[in-house]
Amino acid sequence: MRSQSTPGPFLRPVRVTITIPYNAYQSLIERSNQQGRSLSNLAAYLIETSLQAIQPHEHQQSRSETMEGLQRRT
């Protein structure tokens, strides 16, 4: 059996618990309601897009390295 951190053919989402300030929580709730999406979906989207904006080259590089590793296994 594979652990969540071990890359496989399909990378599954991982559940994470965080603590955020109440004002940030309220803003997320309002925005998720306006967009008609779940709070967790909005939070995941915001985190992912923020990480891509901060380190787009590094993110793409690690993703391509993961894909190369998967291709070598097959």
N, C-alpha and C. Protein backbone atom coordinates (compact mmCIF):
# COMPACT_ATOMS: atom_id res chain seq x y z
N MET A 1 0.84 -1.18 0.00
CA MET A 1 0.00 0.00 0.00
C MET A 1 0.88 1.24 0.00
N ARG A 2 0.50 2.23 -0.77
CA ARG A 2 1.25 3.46 -0.91
C ARG A 2 0.82 4.50 0.10
N SER A 3 1.77 5.29 0.58
CA SER A 3 1.42 6.41 1.46
C SER A 3 0.97 7.58 0.60
N GLN A 4 0.33 8.56 1.22
CA GLN A 4 -0.14 9.75 0.50
C GLN A 4 1.02 10.52 -0.12
N SER A 5 2.22 10.48 0.49
CA SER A 5 3.34 11.27 0.00
C SER A 5 4.09 10.59 -1.14
N THR A 6 3.88 9.30 -1.35
CA THR A 6 4.56 8.59 -2.42
C THR A 6 3.82 8.79 -3.73
N PRO A 7 4.51 9.36 -4.74
CA PRO A 7 3.83 9.58 -6.01
C PRO A 7 3.43 8.25 -6.65
N GLY A 8 2.26 8.22 -7.19
CA GLY A 8 1.77 7.06 -7.91
C GLY A 8 1.28 7.52 -9.26
N PRO A 9 0.58 6.66 -9.97
CA PRO A 9 0.08 7.07 -11.28
C PRO A 9 -0.93 8.20 -11.18
N PHE A 10 -1.67 8.26 -10.07
CA PHE A 10 -2.65 9.32 -9.87
C PHE A 10 -2.39 9.96 -8.51
N LEU A 11 -2.09 11.25 -8.52
CA LEU A 11 -1.84 11.95 -7.26
C LEU A 11 -3.17 12.34 -6.65
N ARG A 12 -3.45 11.78 -5.48
CA ARG A 12 -4.72 12.04 -4.82
C ARG A 12 -4.63 13.29 -3.95
N PRO A 13 -5.74 14.00 -3.78
CA PRO A 13 -5.74 15.14 -2.86
C PRO A 13 -5.45 14.67 -1.44
N VAL A 14 -4.90 15.54 -0.64
CA VAL A 14 -4.57 15.25 0.75
C VAL A 14 -5.36 16.20 1.63
N ARG A 15 -5.95 15.67 2.68
CA ARG A 15 -6.71 16.49 3.62
C ARG A 15 -5.77 17.17 4.59
N VAL A 16 -5.97 18.49 4.79
CA VAL A 16 -5.13 19.28 5.68
C VAL A 16 -6.04 20.10 6.59
N THR A 17 -5.67 20.20 7.86
CA THR A 17 -6.41 21.02 8.80
C THR A 17 -5.55 22.22 9.17
N ILE A 18 -6.11 23.42 9.04
CA ILE A 18 -5.38 24.64 9.40
C ILE A 18 -6.24 25.51 10.29
N THR A 19 -5.61 26.43 10.97
CA THR A 19 -6.30 27.43 11.78
C THR A 19 -6.05 28.79 11.15
N ILE A 20 -7.12 29.53 10.88
CA ILE A 20 -6.99 30.85 10.26
C ILE A 20 -7.71 31.89 11.12
N PRO A 21 -7.36 33.15 10.97
CA PRO A 21 -8.06 34.20 11.72
C PRO A 21 -9.55 34.24 11.36
N TYR A 22 -10.36 34.65 12.31
CA TYR A 22 -11.81 34.69 12.11
C TYR A 22 -12.19 35.56 10.91
N ASN A 23 -11.53 36.71 10.74
CA ASN A 23 -11.86 37.60 9.60
C ASN A 23 -11.59 36.92 8.27
N ALA A 24 -10.50 36.16 8.20
CA ALA A 24 -10.20 35.43 6.96
C ALA A 24 -11.27 34.37 6.71
N TYR A 25 -11.70 33.70 7.76
CA TYR A 25 -12.76 32.70 7.65
C TYR A 25 -14.05 33.33 7.11
N GLN A 26 -14.43 34.47 7.67
CA GLN A 26 -15.64 35.16 7.22
C GLN A 26 -15.54 35.55 5.75
N SER A 27 -14.38 36.05 5.35
CA SER A 27 -14.18 36.42 3.95
C SER A 27 -14.29 35.22 3.03
N LEU A 28 -13.72 34.09 3.46
CA LEU A 28 -13.81 32.87 2.66
C LEU A 28 -15.26 32.39 2.54
N ILE A 29 -16.00 32.44 3.64
CA ILE A 29 -17.41 32.03 3.62
C ILE A 29 -18.20 32.90 2.65
N GLU A 30 -18.03 34.21 2.75
CA GLU A 30 -18.76 35.13 1.86
C GLU A 30 -18.41 34.87 0.39
N ARG A 31 -17.13 34.73 0.12
CA ARG A 31 -16.69 34.51 -1.27
C ARG A 31 -17.17 33.17 -1.80
N SER A 32 -17.12 32.13 -0.97
CA SER A 32 -17.58 30.82 -1.43
C SER A 32 -19.08 30.84 -1.70
N ASN A 33 -19.84 31.54 -0.89
CA ASN A 33 -21.28 31.67 -1.13
C ASN A 33 -21.56 32.44 -2.42
N GLN A 34 -20.81 33.51 -2.65
CA GLN A 34 -21.00 34.30 -3.88
C GLN A 34 -20.69 33.47 -5.12
N GLN A 35 -19.68 32.63 -5.03
CA GLN A 35 -19.26 31.84 -6.18
C GLN A 35 -20.00 30.51 -6.29
N GLY A 36 -20.79 30.16 -5.27
CA GLY A 36 -21.54 28.92 -5.32
C GLY A 36 -20.66 27.68 -5.24
N ARG A 37 -19.59 27.75 -4.46
CA ARG A 37 -18.70 26.62 -4.31
C ARG A 37 -18.46 26.35 -2.84
N SER A 38 -17.94 25.19 -2.52
CA SER A 38 -17.70 24.86 -1.12
C SER A 38 -16.51 25.65 -0.58
N LEU A 39 -16.49 25.78 0.72
CA LEU A 39 -15.39 26.48 1.37
C LEU A 39 -14.06 25.76 1.10
N SER A 40 -14.06 24.45 1.21
CA SER A 40 -12.81 23.70 0.99
C SER A 40 -12.33 23.82 -0.45
N ASN A 41 -13.26 23.82 -1.40
CA ASN A 41 -12.88 23.96 -2.81
C ASN A 41 -12.27 25.33 -3.06
N LEU A 42 -12.88 26.38 -2.51
CA LEU A 42 -12.34 27.73 -2.67
C LEU A 42 -10.97 27.85 -2.02
N ALA A 43 -10.81 27.34 -0.80
CA ALA A 43 -9.53 27.42 -0.11
C ALA A 43 -8.44 26.68 -0.89
N ALA A 44 -8.74 25.50 -1.41
CA ALA A 44 -7.77 24.74 -2.19
C ALA A 44 -7.38 25.51 -3.45
N TYR A 45 -8.36 26.11 -4.12
CA TYR A 45 -8.10 26.89 -5.32
C TYR A 45 -7.21 28.09 -5.01
N LEU A 46 -7.52 28.81 -3.94
CA LEU A 46 -6.73 30.00 -3.58
C LEU A 46 -5.30 29.63 -3.21
N ILE A 47 -5.12 28.54 -2.48
CA ILE A 47 -3.77 28.11 -2.11
C ILE A 47 -2.98 27.71 -3.35
N GLU A 48 -3.60 26.93 -4.22
CA GLU A 48 -2.90 26.46 -5.42
C GLU A 48 -2.51 27.62 -6.33
N THR A 49 -3.44 28.55 -6.57
CA THR A 49 -3.12 29.68 -7.45
C THR A 49 -2.09 30.61 -6.82
N SER A 50 -2.12 30.76 -5.50
CA SER A 50 -1.11 31.59 -4.82
C SER A 50 0.27 30.97 -4.97
N LEU A 51 0.37 29.67 -4.80
CA LEU A 51 1.65 29.00 -4.94
C LEU A 51 2.18 29.09 -6.37
N GLN A 52 1.30 28.98 -7.33
CA GLN A 52 1.73 29.09 -8.73
C GLN A 52 2.19 30.50 -9.05
N ALA A 53 1.55 31.51 -8.47
CA ALA A 53 1.94 32.89 -8.72
C ALA A 53 3.27 33.23 -8.08
N ILE A 54 3.54 32.63 -6.92
CA ILE A 54 4.78 32.92 -6.20
C ILE A 54 5.96 32.23 -6.85
N GLN A 55 5.80 30.96 -7.20
CA GLN A 55 6.90 30.18 -7.74
C GLN A 55 6.47 29.41 -8.99
N PRO A 56 6.10 30.10 -10.05
CA PRO A 56 5.60 29.37 -11.23
C PRO A 56 6.65 28.45 -11.85
N HIS A 57 7.89 28.90 -11.93
CA HIS A 57 8.92 28.07 -12.56
C HIS A 57 9.24 26.85 -11.70
N GLU A 58 9.39 27.07 -10.40
CA GLU A 58 9.73 25.96 -9.50
C GLU A 58 8.60 24.94 -9.46
N HIS A 59 7.34 25.41 -9.45
CA HIS A 59 6.19 24.51 -9.43
C HIS A 59 6.14 23.67 -10.70
N GLN A 60 6.34 24.30 -11.84
CA GLN A 60 6.31 23.57 -13.10
C GLN A 60 7.46 22.57 -13.18
N GLN A 61 8.63 22.96 -12.65
CA GLN A 61 9.78 22.07 -12.70
C GLN A 61 9.53 20.82 -11.86
N SER A 62 9.02 20.99 -10.64
CA SER A 62 8.79 19.82 -9.79
C SER A 62 7.70 18.94 -10.39
N ARG A 63 6.71 19.52 -11.02
CA ARG A 63 5.65 18.74 -11.65
C ARG A 63 6.21 17.94 -12.82
N SER A 64 7.07 18.57 -13.64
CA SER A 64 7.65 17.83 -14.78
C SER A 64 8.59 16.74 -14.30
N GLU A 65 9.31 16.97 -13.18
CA GLU A 65 10.17 15.92 -12.63
C GLU A 65 9.33 14.74 -12.16
N THR A 66 8.18 15.01 -11.57
CA THR A 66 7.28 13.95 -11.13
C THR A 66 6.79 13.15 -12.33
N MET A 67 6.40 13.84 -13.39
CA MET A 67 5.92 13.15 -14.59
C MET A 67 7.04 12.32 -15.23
N GLU A 68 8.25 12.84 -15.24
CA GLU A 68 9.38 12.09 -15.81
C GLU A 68 9.62 10.81 -15.01
N GLY A 69 9.52 10.92 -13.68
CA GLY A 69 9.70 9.75 -12.82
C GLY A 69 8.62 8.71 -13.07
N LEU A 70 7.40 9.16 -13.29
CA LEU A 70 6.30 8.24 -13.57
C LEU A 70 6.51 7.55 -14.91
N GLN A 71 7.01 8.28 -15.90
CA GLN A 71 7.22 7.70 -17.21
C GLN A 71 8.35 6.67 -17.17
N ARG A 72 9.37 6.90 -16.33
CA ARG A 72 10.46 5.95 -16.22
C ARG A 72 10.00 4.63 -15.63
N ARG A 73 9.00 4.66 -14.74
CA ARG A 73 8.51 3.45 -14.08
C ARG A 73 7.76 2.53 -15.03
N THR A 74 7.15 3.11 -16.06
CA THR A 74 6.32 2.30 -16.96
C THR A 74 7.11 1.70 -18.09
